[in-house]
C-alpha atoms as a PDB file:
ATOM      1  CA  MET A   1      34.810  23.358  74.721  1.00  0.00           C
ATOM      2  CA  HIS A   2      37.168  23.920  77.599  1.00  0.00           C
ATOM      3  CA  LEU A   3      36.677  26.539  80.251  1.00  0.00           C
ATOM      4  CA  LEU A   4      39.719  27.327  82.359  1.00  0.00           C
ATOM      5  CA  MET A   5      38.121  28.482  85.556  1.00  0.00           C
ATOM      6  CA  LYS A   6      39.229  29.875  88.865  1.00  0.00           C
ATOM      7  CA  HIS A   7      38.076  27.907  91.908  1.00  0.00           C
ATOM      8  CA  PHE A   8      35.277  29.797  93.629  1.00  0.00           C
ATOM      9  CA  LEU A   9      35.370  28.487  97.183  1.00  0.00           C
ATOM     10  CA  HIS A  10      37.667  31.328  98.301  1.00  0.00           C
ATOM     11  CA  ARG A  11      40.132  28.764  99.627  1.00  0.00           C
ATOM     12  CA  VAL A  12      42.336  27.994  96.648  1.00  0.00           C
ATOM     13  CA  ALA A  13      43.271  30.275  93.798  1.00  0.00           C
ATOM     14  CA  ALA A  14      44.203  27.356  91.562  1.00  0.00           C
ATOM     15  CA  GLY A  15      43.015  27.192  87.981  1.00  0.00           C
ATOM     16  CA  TYR A  16      40.506  24.540  86.969  1.00  0.00           C
ATOM     17  CA  ARG A  17      39.817  23.217  83.508  1.00  0.00           C
ATOM     18  CA  LEU A  18      36.137  22.994  82.576  1.00  0.00           C
ATOM     19  CA  GLN A  19      35.648  20.999  79.427  1.00  0.00           C
ATOM     20  CA  VAL A  20      32.524  21.391  77.333  1.00  0.00           C
ATOM     21  CA  THR A  21      31.460  19.662  74.145  1.00  0.00           C
ATOM     22  CA  ASP A  22      30.189  21.628  71.215  1.00  0.00           C
ATOM     23  CA  LEU A  23      28.690  19.861  68.217  1.00  0.00           C
ATOM     24  CA  THR A  24      28.910  22.851  65.900  1.00  0.00           C
ATOM     25  CA  THR A  25      31.844  24.402  64.109  1.00  0.00           C
ATOM     26  CA  TRP A  26      30.436  27.834  64.933  1.00  0.00           C
ATOM     27  CA  TRP A  27      32.552  27.980  68.070  1.00  0.00           C
ATOM     28  CA  GLN A  28      35.874  26.996  66.534  1.00  0.00           C
ATOM     29  CA  TRP A  29      37.050  30.595  66.689  1.00  0.00           C
ATOM     30  CA  ALA A  30      37.325  30.208  70.472  1.00  0.00           C
ATOM     31  CA  ASN A  31      39.880  27.413  70.414  1.00  0.00           C
ATOM     32  CA  SER A  32      42.770  29.820  70.755  1.00  0.00           C
ATOM     33  CA  MET A  33      41.069  32.283  73.075  1.00  0.00           C
ATOM     34  CA  PRO A  34      43.578  33.589  75.651  1.00  0.00           C
ATOM     35  CA  ARG A  35      43.065  33.393  79.401  1.00  0.00           C
ATOM     36  CA  ARG A  36      41.203  36.274  80.976  1.00  0.00           C
ATOM     37  CA  ARG A  37      43.051  38.278  83.551  1.00  0.00           C
ATOM     38  CA  ASP A  38      40.761  41.305  83.696  1.00  0.00           C
ATOM     39  CA  VAL A  39      38.344  42.017  86.507  1.00  0.00           C
ATOM     40  CA  ARG A  40      34.556  42.288  86.238  1.00  0.00           C
ATOM     41  CA  PRO A  41      32.864  45.526  87.342  1.00  0.00           C
ATOM     42  CA  ASP A  42      31.732  43.767  90.510  1.00  0.00           C
ATOM     43  CA  GLY A  43      35.310  42.804  91.337  1.00  0.00           C
ATOM     44  CA  GLU A  44      34.903  39.041  90.897  1.00  0.00           C
ATOM     45  CA  VAL A  45      36.687  36.873  88.334  1.00  0.00           C
ATOM     46  CA  PHE A  46      35.443  33.275  88.125  1.00  0.00           C
ATOM     47  CA  LEU A  47      36.858  32.158  84.758  1.00  0.00           C
ATOM     48  CA  ASP A  48      40.457  32.044  83.672  1.00  0.00           C
ATOM     49  CA  GLY A  49      39.459  31.290  80.100  1.00  0.00           C
ATOM     50  CA  ILE A  50      37.126  29.450  77.738  1.00  0.00           C
ATOM     51  CA  GLU A  51      37.982  26.911  75.080  1.00  0.00           C
ATOM     52  CA  PHE A  52      35.432  25.236  72.788  1.00  0.00           C
ATOM     53  CA  ILE A  53      36.002  21.822  71.203  1.00  0.00           C
ATOM     54  CA  ASP A  54      34.100  20.651  68.116  1.00  0.00           C
ATOM     55  CA  TYR A  55      33.220  16.938  68.261  1.00  0.00           C
ATOM     56  CA  GLY A  56      31.340  16.953  64.954  1.00  0.00           C
ATOM     57  CA  THR A  57      27.623  16.442  64.343  1.00  0.00           C
ATOM     58  CA  ASP A  58      27.238  12.937  65.796  1.00  0.00           C
ATOM     59  CA  PRO A  59      25.883  13.178  69.382  1.00  0.00           C
ATOM     60  CA  ALA A  60      27.418   9.781  70.147  1.00  0.00           C
ATOM     61  CA  ALA A  61      30.800  11.518  70.201  1.00  0.00           C
ATOM     62  CA  MET A  62      29.492  13.802  72.928  1.00  0.00           C
ATOM     63  CA  VAL A  63      28.376  10.793  74.982  1.00  0.00           C
ATOM     64  CA  SER A  64      31.804   9.226  74.620  1.00  0.00           C
ATOM     65  CA  ALA A  65      33.435  12.476  75.706  1.00  0.00           C
ATOM     66  CA  PHE A  66      31.358  12.539  78.897  1.00  0.00           C
ATOM     67  CA  GLU A  67      32.101   8.858  79.562  1.00  0.00           C
ATOM     68  CA  ALA A  68      35.831   9.408  79.151  1.00  0.00           C
ATOM     69  CA  GLY A  69      35.827  12.416  81.459  1.00  0.00           C
ATOM     70  CA  GLU A  70      36.996  14.645  78.620  1.00  0.00           C
ATOM     71  CA  VAL A  71      34.246  17.225  79.108  1.00  0.00           C
ATOM     72  CA  HIS A  72      32.298  18.824  81.916  1.00  0.00           C
ATOM     73  CA  THR A  73      29.362  20.278  80.018  1.00  0.00           C
ATOM     74  CA  ASN A  74      27.928  20.582  76.525  1.00  0.00           C
ATOM     75  CA  PHE A  75      26.532  23.334  74.364  1.00  0.00           C
ATOM     76  CA  GLU A  76      23.258  21.479  73.785  1.00  0.00           C
ATOM     77  CA  THR A  77      21.756  18.013  74.215  1.00  0.00           C
ATOM     78  CA  SER A  78      19.515  16.921  71.352  1.00  0.00           C
ATOM     79  CA  ALA A  79      16.130  15.608  72.439  1.00  0.00           C
ATOM     80  CA  ASP A  80      16.771  11.971  71.587  1.00  0.00           C
ATOM     81  CA  TYR A  81      19.927  11.956  73.726  1.00  0.00           C
ATOM     82  CA  VAL A  82      18.369  13.489  76.836  1.00  0.00           C
ATOM     83  CA  SER A  83      17.493  10.139  78.415  1.00  0.00           C
ATOM     84  CA  ILE A  84      20.959   8.772  77.647  1.00  0.00           C
ATOM     85  CA  LEU A  85      22.735  11.627  79.387  1.00  0.00           C
ATOM     86  CA  ASP A  86      20.175  11.588  82.210  1.00  0.00           C
ATOM     87  CA  GLY A  87      21.386   8.069  82.935  1.00  0.00           C
ATOM     88  CA  MET A  88      25.016   9.151  83.266  1.00  0.00           C
ATOM     89  CA  ASP A  89      24.702  10.954  86.610  1.00  0.00           C
ATOM     90  CA  LEU A  90      24.804  14.354  84.916  1.00  0.00           C
ATOM     91  CA  VAL A  91      22.869  17.494  85.805  1.00  0.00           C
ATOM     92  CA  LYS A  92      20.218  18.449  83.231  1.00  0.00           C
ATOM     93  CA  SER A  93      19.098  21.976  82.443  1.00  0.00           C
ATOM     94  CA  GLU A  94      16.024  22.503  80.272  1.00  0.00           C
ATOM     95  CA  VAL A  95      14.011  25.476  79.084  1.00  0.00           C
ATOM     96  CA  VAL A  96      10.787  26.038  77.117  1.00  0.00           C
ATOM     97  CA  THR A  97      11.443  28.123  74.021  1.00  0.00           C
ATOM     98  CA  ALA A  98      10.145  29.481  70.732  1.00  0.00           C
ATOM     99  CA  ALA A  99      12.975  27.726  68.899  1.00  0.00           C
ATOM    100  CA  THR A 100      11.555  25.662  66.066  1.00  0.00           C
ATOM    101  CA  ILE A 101      12.028  23.967  62.733  1.00  0.00           C
ATOM    102  CA  VAL A 102      10.050  24.715  59.587  1.00  0.00           C
ATOM    103  CA  CYS A 103       9.439  22.684  56.470  1.00  0.00           C
ATOM    104  CA  ARG A 104       9.081  25.507  53.991  1.00  0.00           C
ATOM    105  CA  THR A 105       8.359  25.743  50.320  1.00  0.00           C
ATOM    106  CA  ASN A 106      10.090  28.290  48.122  1.00  0.00           C
ATOM    107  CA  ILE A 107       7.512  29.916  45.849  1.00  0.00           C
ATOM    108  CA  ASN A 108      10.109  30.787  43.212  1.00  0.00           C
ATOM    109  CA  ASN A 109      10.206  27.077  42.375  1.00  0.00           C
ATOM    110  CA  LYS A 110       7.405  25.180  40.660  1.00  0.00           C
ATOM    111  CA  PRO A 111       4.974  23.841  41.755  1.00  0.00           C
ATOM    112  CA  TYR A 112       5.230  25.779  45.027  1.00  0.00           C
ATOM    113  CA  GLU A 113       3.993  29.007  43.496  1.00  0.00           C
ATOM    114  CA  ASN A 114       0.601  27.268  43.609  1.00  0.00           C
ATOM    115  CA  GLN A 115      -1.162  27.877  46.924  1.00  0.00           C
ATOM    116  CA  LYS A 116      -3.225  24.689  46.570  1.00  0.00           C
ATOM    117  CA  VAL A 117      -0.042  22.628  46.409  1.00  0.00           C
ATOM    118  CA  ARG A 118       1.271  24.292  49.551  1.00  0.00           C
ATOM    119  CA  GLN A 119      -1.996  23.859  51.428  1.00  0.00           C
ATOM    120  CA  ALA A 120      -2.148  20.213  50.372  1.00  0.00           C
ATOM    121  CA  LEU A 121       1.238  19.617  52.003  1.00  0.00           C
ATOM    122  CA  GLN A 122       0.030  21.250  55.222  1.00  0.00           C
ATOM    123  CA  LEU A 123      -3.163  19.186  55.309  1.00  0.00           C
ATOM    124  CA  GLY A 124      -1.217  15.965  54.818  1.00  0.00           C
ATOM    125  CA  VAL A 125       0.684  16.368  58.086  1.00  0.00           C
ATOM    126  CA  ASP A 126      -0.298  16.035  61.752  1.00  0.00           C
ATOM    127  CA  ASN A 127       2.125  18.279  63.615  1.00  0.00           C
ATOM    128  CA  ALA A 128       1.613  16.414  66.887  1.00  0.00           C
ATOM    129  CA  VAL A 129       2.776  13.178  65.280  1.00  0.00           C
ATOM    130  CA  VAL A 130       5.841  14.921  63.876  1.00  0.00           C
ATOM    131  CA  LEU A 131       6.668  16.261  67.345  1.00  0.00           C
ATOM    132  CA  GLN A 132       6.491  12.735  68.725  1.00  0.00           C
ATOM    133  CA  LEU A 133       8.477  11.004  65.987  1.00  0.00           C
ATOM    134  CA  GLY A 134      10.873  13.779  65.081  1.00  0.00           C
ATOM    135  CA  TYR A 135      11.677  15.288  68.477  1.00  0.00           C
ATOM    136  CA  GLY A 136      10.545  12.769  71.071  1.00  0.00           C
ATOM    137  CA  ASN A 137       7.667  14.966  72.301  1.00  0.00           C
ATOM    138  CA  ALA A 138      10.233  17.354  73.779  1.00  0.00           C
ATOM    139  CA  GLY A 139       8.272  20.485  72.988  1.00  0.00           C
ATOM    140  CA  THR A 140       4.836  21.773  72.040  1.00  0.00           C
ATOM    141  CA  VAL A 141       2.807  21.591  68.827  1.00  0.00           C
ATOM    142  CA  ALA A 142       3.144  24.565  66.451  1.00  0.00           C
ATOM    143  CA  GLU A 143       0.482  25.998  64.140  1.00  0.00           C
ATOM    144  CA  ASN A 144       2.132  26.803  60.797  1.00  0.00           C
ATOM    145  CA  HIS A 145       2.469  30.553  61.315  1.00  0.00           C
ATOM    146  CA  HIS A 146       5.723  30.903  63.338  1.00  0.00           C
ATOM    147  CA  VAL A 147       4.275  32.733  66.342  1.00  0.00           C
ATOM    148  CA  CYS A 148       4.525  30.866  69.648  1.00  0.00           C
ATOM    149  CA  ALA A 149       2.188  30.813  72.618  1.00  0.00           C
ATOM    150  CA  ILE A 150       4.999  32.202  74.767  1.00  0.00           C
ATOM    151  CA  HIS A 151       5.314  35.271  72.536  1.00  0.00           C
ATOM    152  CA  PRO A 152       3.465  38.165  74.228  1.00  0.00           C
ATOM    153  CA  GLU A 153       1.461  39.016  71.087  1.00  0.00           C
ATOM    154  CA  TYR A 154       0.422  35.443  70.228  1.00  0.00           C
ATOM    155  CA  TYR A 155      -3.189  35.130  69.072  1.00  0.00           C
ATOM    156  CA  GLU A 156      -4.744  31.670  69.277  1.00  0.00           C
ATOM    157  CA  LEU A 157      -6.305  30.594  65.970  1.00  0.00           C
ATOM    158  CA  PRO A 158      -8.723  27.667  65.477  1.00  0.00           C
ATOM    159  CA  LYS A 159      -6.853  24.366  65.427  1.00  0.00           C
ATOM    160  CA  ILE A 160      -6.151  22.678  62.112  1.00  0.00           C
ATOM    161  CA  THR A 161      -6.533  18.906  61.847  1.00  0.00           C
ATOM    162  CA  ARG A 162      -4.869  16.585  59.365  1.00  0.00           C
ATOM    163  CA  ASP A 163      -7.055  15.693  56.393  1.00  0.00           C
ATOM    164  CA  PRO A 164      -5.234  13.262  54.058  1.00  0.00           C
ATOM    165  CA  ALA A 165      -8.194  12.930  51.668  1.00  0.00           C
ATOM    166  CA  LYS A 166      -8.494  16.686  51.240  1.00  0.00           C
ATOM    167  CA  ALA A 167      -4.726  16.979  50.856  1.00  0.00           C
ATOM    168  CA  LYS A 168      -4.711  14.458  48.015  1.00  0.00           C
ATOM    169  CA  ALA A 169      -7.703  16.109  46.368  1.00  0.00           C
ATOM    170  CA  LEU A 170      -6.136  19.576  46.538  1.00  0.00           C
ATOM    171  CA  MET A 171      -2.912  18.277  45.001  1.00  0.00           C
ATOM    172  CA  ALA A 172      -4.905  16.711  42.154  1.00  0.00           C
ATOM    173  CA  GLU A 173      -6.954  19.885  41.723  1.00  0.00           C
ATOM    174  CA  ALA A 174      -3.699  21.819  41.372  1.00  0.00           C
ATOM    175  CA  GLY A 175      -2.649  19.420  38.597  1.00  0.00           C
ATOM    176  CA  HIS A 176       0.263  17.894  40.482  1.00  0.00           C
ATOM    177  CA  ALA A 177      -1.052  14.567  41.713  1.00  0.00           C
ATOM    178  CA  ASP A 178       1.909  12.735  40.141  1.00  0.00           C
ATOM    179  CA  PHE A 179       4.599  15.235  41.104  1.00  0.00           C
ATOM    180  CA  GLU A 180       7.384  13.865  43.321  1.00  0.00           C
ATOM    181  CA  HIS A 181       8.392  16.374  46.006  1.00  0.00           C
ATOM    182  CA  GLU A 182      12.009  16.303  47.165  1.00  0.00           C
ATOM    183  CA  LEU A 183      12.270  17.158  50.864  1.00  0.00           C
ATOM    184  CA  ILE A 184      15.829  18.203  51.702  1.00  0.00           C
ATOM    185  CA  THR A 185      17.270  18.279  55.220  1.00  0.00           C
ATOM    186  CA  VAL A 186      20.658  18.564  56.843  1.00  0.00           C
ATOM    187  CA  ASP A 187      22.054  15.375  58.387  1.00  0.00           C
ATOM    188  CA  GLU A 188      21.613  16.398  62.048  1.00  0.00           C
ATOM    189  CA  ASP A 189      19.603  13.731  63.823  1.00  0.00           C
ATOM    190  CA  TRP A 190      16.471  15.651  64.773  1.00  0.00           C
ATOM    191  CA  HIS A 191      16.327  17.479  61.431  1.00  0.00           C
ATOM    192  CA  LYS A 192      16.509  14.145  59.610  1.00  0.00           C
ATOM    193  CA  ASN A 193      13.996  12.465  61.917  1.00  0.00           C
ATOM    194  CA  THR A 194      11.533  15.319  61.572  1.00  0.00           C
ATOM    195  CA  GLY A 195      11.862  15.305  57.795  1.00  0.00           C
ATOM    196  CA  ASP A 196      11.332  11.546  57.710  1.00  0.00           C
ATOM    197  CA  ALA A 197       8.174  11.865  59.812  1.00  0.00           C
ATOM    198  CA  ILE A 198       6.728  14.535  57.519  1.00  0.00           C
ATOM    199  CA  ALA A 199       7.599  12.559  54.395  1.00  0.00           C
ATOM    200  CA  ALA A 200       5.982   9.401  55.795  1.00  0.00           C
ATOM    201  CA  GLN A 201       2.713  11.200  56.509  1.00  0.00           C
ATOM    202  CA  LEU A 202       2.625  12.812  53.075  1.00  0.00           C
ATOM    203  CA  ARG A 203       3.201   9.453  51.420  1.00  0.00           C
ATOM    204  CA  ASP A 204       0.398   8.032  53.546  1.00  0.00           C
ATOM    205  CA  ALA A 205      -1.819  10.782  52.126  1.00  0.00           C
ATOM    206  CA  GLY A 206      -0.977   9.676  48.586  1.00  0.00           C
ATOM    207  CA  ILE A 207       1.574  12.440  47.901  1.00  0.00           C
ATOM    208  CA  LYS A 208       4.881  11.356  46.404  1.00  0.00           C
ATOM    209  CA  VAL A 209       7.954  12.411  48.385  1.00  0.00           C
ATOM    210  CA  LYS A 210      11.662  11.785  47.905  1.00  0.00           C
ATOM    211  CA  ARG A 211      14.005  12.377  50.849  1.00  0.00           C
ATOM    212  CA  THR A 212      17.459  13.912  50.436  1.00  0.00           C
ATOM    213  CA  VAL A 213      19.811  14.302  53.414  1.00  0.00           C
ATOM    214  CA  LEU A 214      22.869  16.518  52.996  1.00  0.00           C
ATOM    215  CA  PRO A 215      25.908  17.180  55.200  1.00  0.00           C
ATOM    216  CA  GLY A 216      25.918  20.595  56.806  1.00  0.00           C
ATOM    217  CA  SER A 217      28.899  21.696  54.700  1.00  0.00           C
ATOM    218  CA  THR A 218      26.667  21.286  51.631  1.00  0.00           C
ATOM    219  CA  PHE A 219      23.200  22.091  52.961  1.00  0.00           C
ATOM    220  CA  TRP A 220      23.921  25.512  54.440  1.00  0.00           C
ATOM    221  CA  ASN A 221      25.505  26.824  51.245  1.00  0.00           C
ATOM    222  CA  ASP A 222      22.073  27.063  49.597  1.00  0.00           C
ATOM    223  CA  TRP A 223      19.583  26.882  52.460  1.00  0.00           C
ATOM    224  CA  THR A 224      17.521  29.820  51.163  1.00  0.00           C
ATOM    225  CA  LYS A 225      17.195  28.400  47.646  1.00  0.00           C
ATOM    226  CA  TYR A 226      15.915  24.828  47.934  1.00  0.00           C
ATOM    227  CA  PRO A 227      12.385  24.256  46.565  1.00  0.00           C
ATOM    228  CA  LEU A 228      11.347  22.249  49.665  1.00  0.00           C
ATOM    229  CA  SER A 229      13.560  21.949  52.717  1.00  0.00           C
ATOM    230  CA  MET A 230      13.723  22.220  56.501  1.00  0.00           C
ATOM    231  CA  THR A 231      15.439  24.912  58.545  1.00  0.00           C
ATOM    232  CA  ASN A 232      15.795  25.370  62.289  1.00  0.00           C
ATOM    233  CA  TRP A 233      15.030  28.830  63.672  1.00  0.00           C
ATOM    234  CA  ASN A 234      16.193  30.047  67.056  1.00  0.00           C
ATOM    235  CA  MET A 235      13.880  31.974  69.354  1.00  0.00           C
ATOM    236  CA  ARG A 236      13.271  35.696  69.132  1.00  0.00           C
ATOM    237  CA  PRO A 237      11.624  37.366  72.139  1.00  0.00           C
ATOM    238  CA  LEU A 238       8.779  38.787  70.022  1.00  0.00           C
ATOM    239  CA  GLY A 239       6.729  37.094  67.332  1.00  0.00           C
ATOM    240  CA  VAL A 240       6.915  40.151  65.086  1.00  0.00           C
ATOM    241  CA  GLN A 241      10.702  39.964  65.114  1.00  0.00           C
ATOM    242  CA  VAL A 242      10.949  36.544  63.526  1.00  0.00           C
ATOM    243  CA  LEU A 243       8.133  37.291  61.074  1.00  0.00           C
ATOM    244  CA  ALA A 244       9.947  40.421  59.920  1.00  0.00           C
ATOM    245  CA  ILE A 245      13.250  38.706  59.172  1.00  0.00           C
ATOM    246  CA  GLY A 246      11.779  35.451  57.896  1.00  0.00           C
ATOM    247  CA  TYR A 247       8.730  36.299  55.801  1.00  0.00           C
ATOM    248  CA  ARG A 248       8.629  39.992  54.885  1.00  0.00           C
ATOM    249  CA  THR A 249       9.180  40.741  51.212  1.00  0.00           C
ATOM    250  CA  GLY A 250      12.828  40.955  50.225  1.00  0.00           C
ATOM    251  CA  GLU A 251      14.348  40.033  53.583  1.00  0.00           C
ATOM    252  CA  ALA A 252      17.681  38.188  53.359  1.00  0.00           C
ATOM    253  CA  TRP A 253      16.427  35.247  55.426  1.00  0.00           C
ATOM    254  CA  ASN A 254      13.075  34.971  53.649  1.00  0.00           C
ATOM    255  CA  GLU A 255      13.827  31.436  52.498  1.00  0.00           C
ATOM    256  CA  SER A 256      10.274  30.840  51.268  1.00  0.00           C
ATOM    257  CA  ALA A 257      10.470  33.915  48.969  1.00  0.00           C
ATOM    258  CA  TYR A 258       7.039  34.788  50.370  1.00  0.00           C
ATOM    259  CA  SER A 259       5.790  38.171  49.188  1.00  0.00           C
ATOM    260  CA  ASN A 260       2.443  39.663  50.153  1.00  0.00           C
ATOM    261  CA  PRO A 261       2.234  43.488  50.237  1.00  0.00           C
ATOM    262  CA  GLU A 262      -0.980  43.406  52.298  1.00  0.00           C
ATOM    263  CA  TRP A 263       0.636  41.160  54.891  1.00  0.00           C
ATOM    264  CA  ASP A 264       3.824  43.264  54.896  1.00  0.00           C
ATOM    265  CA  ALA A 265       1.772  46.376  55.627  1.00  0.00           C
ATOM    266  CA  LYS A 266      -0.057  44.736  58.526  1.00  0.00           C
ATOM    267  CA  LEU A 267       3.216  43.472  59.996  1.00  0.00           C
ATOM    268  CA  ASN A 268       4.876  46.878  59.678  1.00  0.00           C
ATOM    269  CA  VAL A 269       2.044  48.464  61.633  1.00  0.00           C
ATOM    270  CA  ALA A 270       2.325  45.802  64.351  1.00  0.00           C
ATOM    271  CA  LEU A 271       6.085  46.325  64.579  1.00  0.00           C
ATOM    272  CA  ALA A 272       5.453  49.941  65.562  1.00  0.00           C
ATOM    273  CA  VAL A 273       3.113  49.049  68.446  1.00  0.00           C
ATOM    274  CA  ALA A 274       4.873  48.663  71.793  1.00  0.00           C
ATOM    275  CA  ASP A 275       1.799  47.534  73.746  1.00  0.00           C
ATOM    276  CA  ALA A 276       1.661  43.719  73.480  1.00  0.00           C
ATOM    277  CA  ALA A 277      -2.098  43.618  74.189  1.00  0.00           C
ATOM    278  CA  LYS A 278      -2.822  45.982  71.301  1.00  0.00           C
ATOM    279  CA  ARG A 279      -0.377  44.141  69.053  1.00  0.00           C
ATOM    280  CA  LYS A 280      -2.096  40.849  69.922  1.00  0.00           C
ATOM    281  CA  GLU A 281      -5.311  41.927  68.182  1.00  0.00           C
ATOM    282  CA  MET A 282      -3.345  42.804  65.061  1.00  0.00           C
ATOM    283  CA  MET A 283      -1.697  39.372  65.073  1.00  0.00           C
ATOM    284  CA  LYS A 284      -4.974  37.576  64.334  1.00  0.00           C
ATOM    285  CA  ASP A 285      -4.868  38.622  60.676  1.00  0.00           C
ATOM    286  CA  ILE A 286      -1.081  38.392  60.441  1.00  0.00           C
ATOM    287  CA  GLU A 287      -1.024  34.796  61.702  1.00  0.00           C
ATOM    288  CA  GLN A 288      -4.091  33.763  59.698  1.00  0.00           C
ATOM    289  CA  ILE A 289      -2.812  35.115  56.372  1.00  0.00           C
ATOM    290  CA  LEU A 290       0.557  33.416  56.846  1.00  0.00           C
ATOM    291  CA  GLN A 291      -1.058  30.145  57.886  1.00  0.00           C
ATOM    292  CA  ASP A 292      -3.482  30.210  54.930  1.00  0.00           C
ATOM    293  CA  SER A 293      -0.630  30.881  52.508  1.00  0.00           C
ATOM    294  CA  GLY A 294       0.566  27.324  53.119  1.00  0.00           C
ATOM    295  CA  ILE A 295       4.235  28.287  52.797  1.00  0.00           C
ATOM    296  CA  MET A 296       5.298  26.224  55.791  1.00  0.00           C
ATOM    297  CA  ILE A 297       4.653  23.115  57.796  1.00  0.00           C
ATOM    298  CA  GLN A 298       5.837  24.152  61.234  1.00  0.00           C
ATOM    299  CA  PRO A 299       5.460  21.047  63.380  1.00  0.00           C
ATOM    300  CA  TYR A 300       6.674  22.044  66.835  1.00  0.00           C
ATOM    301  CA  TRP A 301       8.346  24.387  69.275  1.00  0.00           C
ATOM    302  CA  ARG A 302      11.434  22.940  70.940  1.00  0.00           C
ATOM    303  CA  LYS A 303      12.478  22.520  74.501  1.00  0.00           C
ATOM    304  CA  LEU A 304      16.230  22.996  74.746  1.00  0.00           C
ATOM    305  CA  TYR A 305      18.521  20.923  76.970  1.00  0.00           C
ATOM    306  CA  SER A 306      22.097  20.827  78.177  1.00  0.00           C
ATOM    307  CA  HIS A 307      23.968  18.526  80.570  1.00  0.00           C
ATOM    308  CA  SER A 308      26.882  19.080  82.934  1.00  0.00           C
ATOM    309  CA  VAL A 309      28.864  17.147  85.487  1.00  0.00           C
ATOM    310  CA  LYS A 310      27.959  17.987  89.072  1.00  0.00           C
ATOM    311  CA  ALA A 311      31.073  20.092  89.598  1.00  0.00           C
ATOM    312  CA  VAL A 312      29.766  22.744  87.203  1.00  0.00           C
ATOM    313  CA  GLN A 313      27.939  25.465  89.121  1.00  0.00           C
ATOM    314  CA  ASN A 314      25.403  28.031  87.885  1.00  0.00           C
ATOM    315  CA  TYR A 315      25.306  26.833  84.266  1.00  0.00           C
ATOM    316  CA  LYS A 316      21.807  26.981  82.751  1.00  0.00           C
ATOM    317  CA  MET A 317      20.390  26.464  79.283  1.00  0.00           C
ATOM    318  CA  HIS A 318      19.102  29.730  77.823  1.00  0.00           C
ATOM    319  CA  PRO A 319      16.113  29.902  75.422  1.00  0.00           C
ATOM    320  CA  THR A 320      18.139  31.909  72.895  1.00  0.00           C
ATOM    321  CA  TYR A 321      21.454  30.076  73.454  1.00  0.00           C
ATOM    322  CA  GLU A 322      23.018  33.013  75.256  1.00  0.00           C
ATOM    323  CA  ARG A 323      26.125  32.104  77.220  1.00  0.00           C
ATOM    324  CA  ASP A 324      27.329  34.164  80.177  1.00  0.00           C
ATOM    325  CA  TYR A 325      30.322  32.393  81.658  1.00  0.00           C
ATOM    326  CA  GLY A 326      31.186  35.220  84.016  1.00  0.00           C
ATOM    327  CA  LYS A 327      29.271  33.648  86.933  1.00  0.00           C
ATOM    328  CA  ILE A 328      30.082  29.958  86.385  1.00  0.00           C
ATOM    329  CA  TRP A 329      32.564  28.039  88.496  1.00  0.00           C
ATOM    330  CA  LEU A 330      33.774  24.512  89.286  1.00  0.00           C
ATOM    331  CA  ASP A 331      33.155  23.048  92.720  1.00  0.00           C
ATOM    332  CA  GLN A 332      35.834  20.385  92.909  1.00  0.00           C
ATOM    333  CA  ALA A 333      36.781  20.652  96.585  1.00  0.00           C
END
């Protein structure tokens, strides 16, 4: 990504080119964005324009871009590249978030209509280990119900511990001891690493798992349909928001195909309550029912990172990836 920015030291009105990597194709629309010549309501104009450059999905390309002086900042630094960019005399910005990744079953596919199968998968995995191996401990442990401790209505449930023996027994009780589960992930590094960590623990528990890694151009075509796969979810400010779009019956992004009228009714009531303290008491049942359903292994909540050269001023990572370039400038005096 390139930002064409006006110098902000009130000495020179020259244009400056701020170059930023972006590892996603989502921003390609901005490549031909024209320069801004309008004025903000407060009378200040810091940016002449913004241009995003897609370096592909390999973070090594981003490192090379920084080394070659081709970029000034990036859209995001993946957790396993934080230490590398820290060592390049760059400025790091980090933020605690409710962004996450879930390993979800889809109950429209056998054997995942069976709750015992789903619960067996949950019991075969230690989320803390997955956080360490899959995301370099750059976050906090999640609890398999997609509500984060930083959400105002979060209700703390009793902790669940890994029980490989019980996981294997439940799978056998469900009649699927010999079934080979295919865990599908996209080829992004932390997705793949997290999937590998989950698969390794399940195998250690005596559950057969095959790993399939797909390029993004293939994976995202059918992300809501796979029997067992992993999806990253960005943060929503409220826990009820993400539950509504991700798990309520019939929702477009309900990739697990989860459907529970009792749970839907409880969530709908909570959605109508503005007081977070009152909503918190309602969340006990909502979180517990979703956790007990076994539809997801949710290993961790992510910290998010970005890096910039020192000339970039006032650029911060946002927990929901918001970008406001109206107050960013280059100090290259």
